[in-house]
Amino acid sequence: MTPRYQKILFVVLFVASVTMTAVLVRLRERAHDRLLAGAMEAGTTAPAVAPLEQVTLMVADDATSTLAPETIALPLPEEPQARARAVLNRLLSQYSGAQSLHPLPTMAEPVESVFLMPVPQANGDARRAVATGDSGRAGAAGGAILSVPKNADRIAIVNLADQFAASHPSGLETETLTVLSICATLHANLPEVTEVRFLVGGQERATLHGHADLTQTYLTAASAAASGAQP
């Protein structure tokens, strides 16, 4: 004959088992309901997309060695440095098309980053530091550049991808047109950008691909004028 305490233990275990089963079933139903609700919301809510804006690309023409403005609509982020990078990547991707007047190899992200900084008004060491993107050394070299009006002129540090420079057609004219096209496009869309410096893969580099000088600071207005463009 089964002892009484074993009967009681069996009943307790049975009740606990039934209770746990009911709880697990209920939890599974709630999780399923949440998944369905999330799927319905995702299916009915449109993803956030940046609004289209009119931008001006200063497009190079190898035949005439000039730049010509071309207006397009482009979704742009709000942050100025991200906007500049998006515009320049769109410009350089334009040159990979079959009908390009300034043919360049196809590359998804030829511009890795763009930094916008106040044009330094302090001593020469500070100016060189900002021109090469060394903000720490710039601050140490000349404190005068730290208090700059909000609408002051800016210098753009354009960091090109190593692969873009390596695959760019070699030649003084074609390299120079690419550089001038970038400078003029920045000035057309961000008028506060008056100067441009170039890096390749985050480092200073003497030339783009053997010819166009990347050690100098380019004046954006002069770059457009030098190529015969009318921004």
Protein backbone atom coordinates (compact mmCIF):
# COMPACT_ATOMS: atom_id res chain seq x y z
CA MET A 1 0.00 0.00 0.00
CA THR A 2 1.30 3.43 -1.01
CA PRO A 3 2.22 5.60 1.95
CA ARG A 4 0.11 8.71 2.48
CA TYR A 5 3.04 11.13 2.19
CA GLN A 6 3.89 9.78 -1.29
CA LYS A 7 0.31 10.34 -2.44
CA ILE A 8 0.49 13.92 -1.20
CA LEU A 9 3.86 14.46 -2.92
CA PHE A 10 2.50 13.07 -6.17
CA VAL A 11 -0.52 15.40 -6.05
CA VAL A 12 1.71 18.42 -5.34
CA LEU A 13 4.06 17.56 -8.21
CA PHE A 14 1.13 17.00 -10.56
CA VAL A 15 -0.43 20.35 -9.68
CA ALA A 16 2.93 22.12 -10.07
CA SER A 17 3.47 20.49 -13.47
CA VAL A 18 0.04 21.56 -14.71
CA THR A 19 0.58 25.08 -13.42
CA MET A 20 3.99 25.42 -15.10
CA THR A 21 2.56 24.13 -18.38
CA ALA A 22 -0.20 26.72 -18.26
CA VAL A 23 2.28 29.52 -17.50
CA LEU A 24 4.60 28.50 -20.36
CA VAL A 25 1.70 28.33 -22.82
CA ARG A 26 0.55 31.80 -21.77
CA LEU A 27 4.05 33.26 -22.09
CA ARG A 28 4.39 31.77 -25.56
CA GLU A 29 1.06 33.30 -26.61
CA ARG A 30 2.14 36.72 -25.36
CA ALA A 31 5.46 36.50 -27.21
CA HIS A 32 3.64 35.50 -30.37
CA ASP A 33 1.27 38.45 -30.02
CA ARG A 34 4.20 40.86 -29.62
CA LEU A 35 5.91 39.48 -32.71
CA LEU A 36 2.74 39.90 -34.76
CA ALA A 37 2.28 43.46 -33.51
CA GLY A 38 5.89 44.33 -34.37
CA ALA A 39 5.58 42.84 -37.85
CA MET A 40 2.40 44.77 -38.54
CA GLU A 41 3.96 48.04 -37.34
CA ALA A 42 7.10 47.48 -39.43
CA GLY A 43 4.99 46.73 -42.47
CA THR A 44 2.87 49.85 -42.18
CA THR A 45 5.51 52.39 -41.07
CA ALA A 46 7.64 53.80 -43.88
CA PRO A 47 11.38 53.98 -43.16
CA ALA A 48 12.76 57.44 -42.50
CA VAL A 49 14.35 58.84 -45.66
CA ALA A 50 16.27 62.09 -45.94
CA PRO A 51 14.38 64.63 -48.05
CA LEU A 52 15.59 65.38 -51.56
CA GLU A 53 17.55 68.59 -51.92
CA GLN A 54 18.91 70.45 -54.93
CA VAL A 55 22.70 70.20 -55.16
CA THR A 56 25.13 71.52 -57.75
CA LEU A 57 27.88 69.29 -59.07
CA MET A 58 30.78 70.99 -60.83
CA VAL A 59 31.42 68.35 -63.47
CA ALA A 60 34.77 68.12 -65.28
CA ASP A 61 35.13 67.87 -69.06
CA ASP A 62 38.45 66.46 -70.27
CA ALA A 63 37.94 67.75 -73.81
CA THR A 64 37.73 71.41 -72.79
CA SER A 65 39.51 71.24 -69.42
CA THR A 66 36.60 73.05 -67.78
CA LEU A 67 33.94 72.49 -65.15
CA ALA A 68 30.23 72.81 -65.83
CA PRO A 69 27.49 73.04 -63.19
CA GLU A 70 24.91 70.26 -63.11
CA THR A 71 21.94 70.43 -60.74
CA ILE A 72 20.50 67.21 -59.34
CA ALA A 73 18.20 66.17 -56.48
CA LEU A 74 19.91 64.19 -53.75
CA PRO A 75 18.81 62.96 -50.29
CA LEU A 76 21.19 64.56 -47.81
CA PRO A 77 21.77 64.13 -44.07
CA GLU A 78 21.57 67.17 -41.81
CA GLU A 79 25.12 67.06 -40.44
CA PRO A 80 27.37 69.32 -42.61
CA GLN A 81 30.34 66.95 -42.80
CA ALA A 82 28.11 64.03 -43.76
CA ARG A 83 26.40 66.24 -46.36
CA ALA A 84 29.73 67.20 -47.89
CA ARG A 85 30.81 63.55 -48.08
CA ALA A 86 27.50 62.51 -49.69
CA VAL A 87 27.75 65.25 -52.33
CA LEU A 88 31.37 64.42 -53.20
CA ASN A 89 30.70 60.69 -53.45
CA ARG A 90 27.80 61.45 -55.79
CA LEU A 91 30.07 63.69 -57.87
CA LEU A 92 32.82 61.09 -58.22
CA SER A 93 30.36 58.29 -58.94
CA GLN A 94 29.11 60.43 -61.83
CA TYR A 95 32.47 60.00 -63.54
CA SER A 96 32.13 56.21 -63.74
CA GLY A 97 29.20 56.38 -66.16
CA ALA A 98 29.47 55.28 -69.78
CA GLN A 99 28.86 58.84 -71.04
CA SER A 100 31.27 60.50 -68.62
CA LEU A 101 33.33 63.38 -69.98
CA HIS A 102 35.92 62.71 -67.29
CA PRO A 103 36.10 58.90 -67.00
CA LEU A 104 37.14 57.47 -63.64
CA PRO A 105 37.00 53.89 -62.28
CA THR A 106 33.83 52.79 -60.48
CA MET A 107 34.07 52.84 -56.69
CA ALA A 108 31.34 52.81 -54.05
CA GLU A 109 32.91 55.23 -51.54
CA PRO A 110 35.83 57.19 -53.07
CA VAL A 111 35.59 59.79 -50.28
CA GLU A 112 36.02 58.17 -46.87
CA SER A 113 35.39 61.29 -44.81
CA VAL A 114 35.21 65.08 -44.87
CA PHE A 115 36.15 67.28 -41.91
CA LEU A 116 35.05 70.90 -41.75
CA MET A 117 37.11 73.18 -39.54
CA PRO A 118 37.47 76.93 -39.06
CA VAL A 119 40.06 78.54 -41.33
CA PRO A 120 42.92 79.17 -38.90
CA GLN A 121 43.82 82.78 -38.23
CA ALA A 122 46.67 82.03 -35.82
CA ASN A 123 50.36 81.37 -36.46
CA GLY A 124 51.76 79.19 -39.21
CA ASP A 125 52.07 76.07 -37.03
CA ALA A 126 48.37 76.19 -36.15
CA ARG A 127 47.43 76.75 -39.77
CA ARG A 128 49.40 73.73 -40.90
CA ALA A 129 47.91 71.63 -38.10
CA VAL A 130 44.34 72.42 -39.13
CA ALA A 131 45.16 71.95 -42.79
CA THR A 132 46.30 68.40 -42.08
CA GLY A 133 43.37 67.62 -39.78
CA ASP A 134 45.44 67.57 -36.55
CA SER A 135 42.97 69.39 -34.30
CA GLY A 136 44.94 68.58 -31.14
CA ARG A 137 48.15 70.12 -32.42
CA ALA A 138 46.17 73.03 -33.84
CA GLY A 139 44.75 73.90 -30.45
CA ALA A 140 48.18 73.69 -28.84
CA ALA A 141 49.83 75.78 -31.53
CA GLY A 142 47.45 78.71 -31.53
CA GLY A 143 44.58 79.32 -29.17
CA ALA A 144 43.25 82.12 -31.38
CA ILE A 145 41.60 79.62 -33.71
CA LEU A 146 39.43 78.21 -30.92
CA SER A 147 37.13 81.24 -30.73
CA VAL A 148 35.82 81.44 -34.28
CA PRO A 149 32.46 82.97 -35.30
CA LYS A 150 29.81 80.41 -36.22
CA ASN A 151 29.60 81.64 -39.82
CA ALA A 152 33.37 81.89 -40.30
CA ASP A 153 35.05 80.52 -43.39
CA ARG A 154 35.81 76.80 -43.26
CA ILE A 155 38.56 74.57 -44.52
CA ALA A 156 37.47 71.14 -45.71
CA ILE A 157 39.79 68.20 -45.13
CA VAL A 158 38.82 65.68 -47.82
CA ASN A 159 40.04 62.16 -47.06
CA LEU A 160 40.13 60.09 -50.25
CA ALA A 161 40.21 56.31 -50.25
CA ASP A 162 43.55 54.64 -51.02
CA GLN A 163 41.93 52.57 -53.75
CA PHE A 164 40.52 55.67 -55.43
CA ALA A 165 43.94 57.33 -55.64
CA ALA A 166 45.61 54.10 -56.76
CA SER A 167 43.11 53.50 -59.57
CA HIS A 168 42.80 57.13 -60.72
CA PRO A 169 44.10 57.69 -64.27
CA SER A 170 47.61 59.15 -64.12
CA GLY A 171 48.24 62.50 -65.78
CA LEU A 172 48.54 66.13 -64.75
CA GLU A 173 45.41 67.33 -66.54
CA THR A 174 43.04 64.53 -65.50
CA GLU A 175 44.24 64.55 -61.87
CA THR A 176 44.03 68.34 -61.64
CA LEU A 177 40.48 68.36 -63.03
CA THR A 178 39.40 65.85 -60.38
CA VAL A 179 40.87 68.01 -57.62
CA LEU A 180 39.34 71.22 -59.00
CA SER A 181 35.99 69.50 -59.48
CA ILE A 182 35.93 68.48 -55.82
CA CYS A 183 36.91 71.95 -54.61
CA ALA A 184 34.38 73.77 -56.80
CA THR A 185 31.57 71.36 -55.86
CA LEU A 186 32.23 71.95 -52.17
CA HIS A 187 32.14 75.71 -52.70
CA ALA A 188 28.93 75.52 -54.75
CA ASN A 189 27.06 73.63 -52.04
CA LEU A 190 28.80 74.91 -48.91
CA PRO A 191 29.82 78.52 -49.69
CA GLU A 192 31.47 78.81 -46.29
CA VAL A 193 34.12 76.32 -47.48
CA THR A 194 36.84 78.55 -48.89
CA GLU A 195 39.82 76.21 -48.61
CA VAL A 196 40.39 72.50 -49.21
CA ARG A 197 43.14 70.13 -48.17
CA PHE A 198 43.47 66.49 -49.22
CA LEU A 199 44.43 63.32 -47.42
CA VAL A 200 44.59 59.80 -48.88
CA GLY A 201 43.74 56.95 -46.55
CA GLY A 202 44.02 59.35 -43.61
CA GLN A 203 47.59 60.34 -44.47
CA GLU A 204 49.26 63.24 -46.24
CA ARG A 205 50.28 62.39 -49.77
CA ALA A 206 52.39 64.29 -52.29
CA THR A 207 50.20 63.72 -55.35
CA LEU A 208 46.92 62.14 -56.36
CA HIS A 209 48.52 59.65 -58.75
CA GLY A 210 51.91 61.11 -59.57
CA HIS A 211 50.98 64.60 -60.75
CA ALA A 212 48.30 66.74 -59.06
CA ASP A 213 49.80 68.35 -55.96
CA LEU A 214 48.04 67.32 -52.74
CA THR A 215 50.46 69.14 -50.42
CA GLN A 216 48.97 72.57 -51.05
CA THR A 217 45.84 74.21 -49.71
CA TYR A 218 43.35 74.86 -52.52
CA LEU A 219 41.18 77.97 -52.58
CA THR A 220 37.74 76.89 -53.76
CA ALA A 221 36.85 80.06 -55.68
CA ALA A 222 40.25 80.08 -57.41
CA SER A 223 39.87 76.38 -58.26
CA ALA A 224 36.64 77.04 -60.17
CA ALA A 225 38.10 80.05 -61.96
CA ALA A 226 41.31 78.23 -62.90
CA SER A 227 39.37 75.55 -64.76
CA GLY A 228 37.17 78.04 -66.61
CA ALA A 229 34.03 77.15 -64.65
CA GLN A 230 31.33 79.60 -63.75
CA PRO A 231 29.82 78.42 -60.44
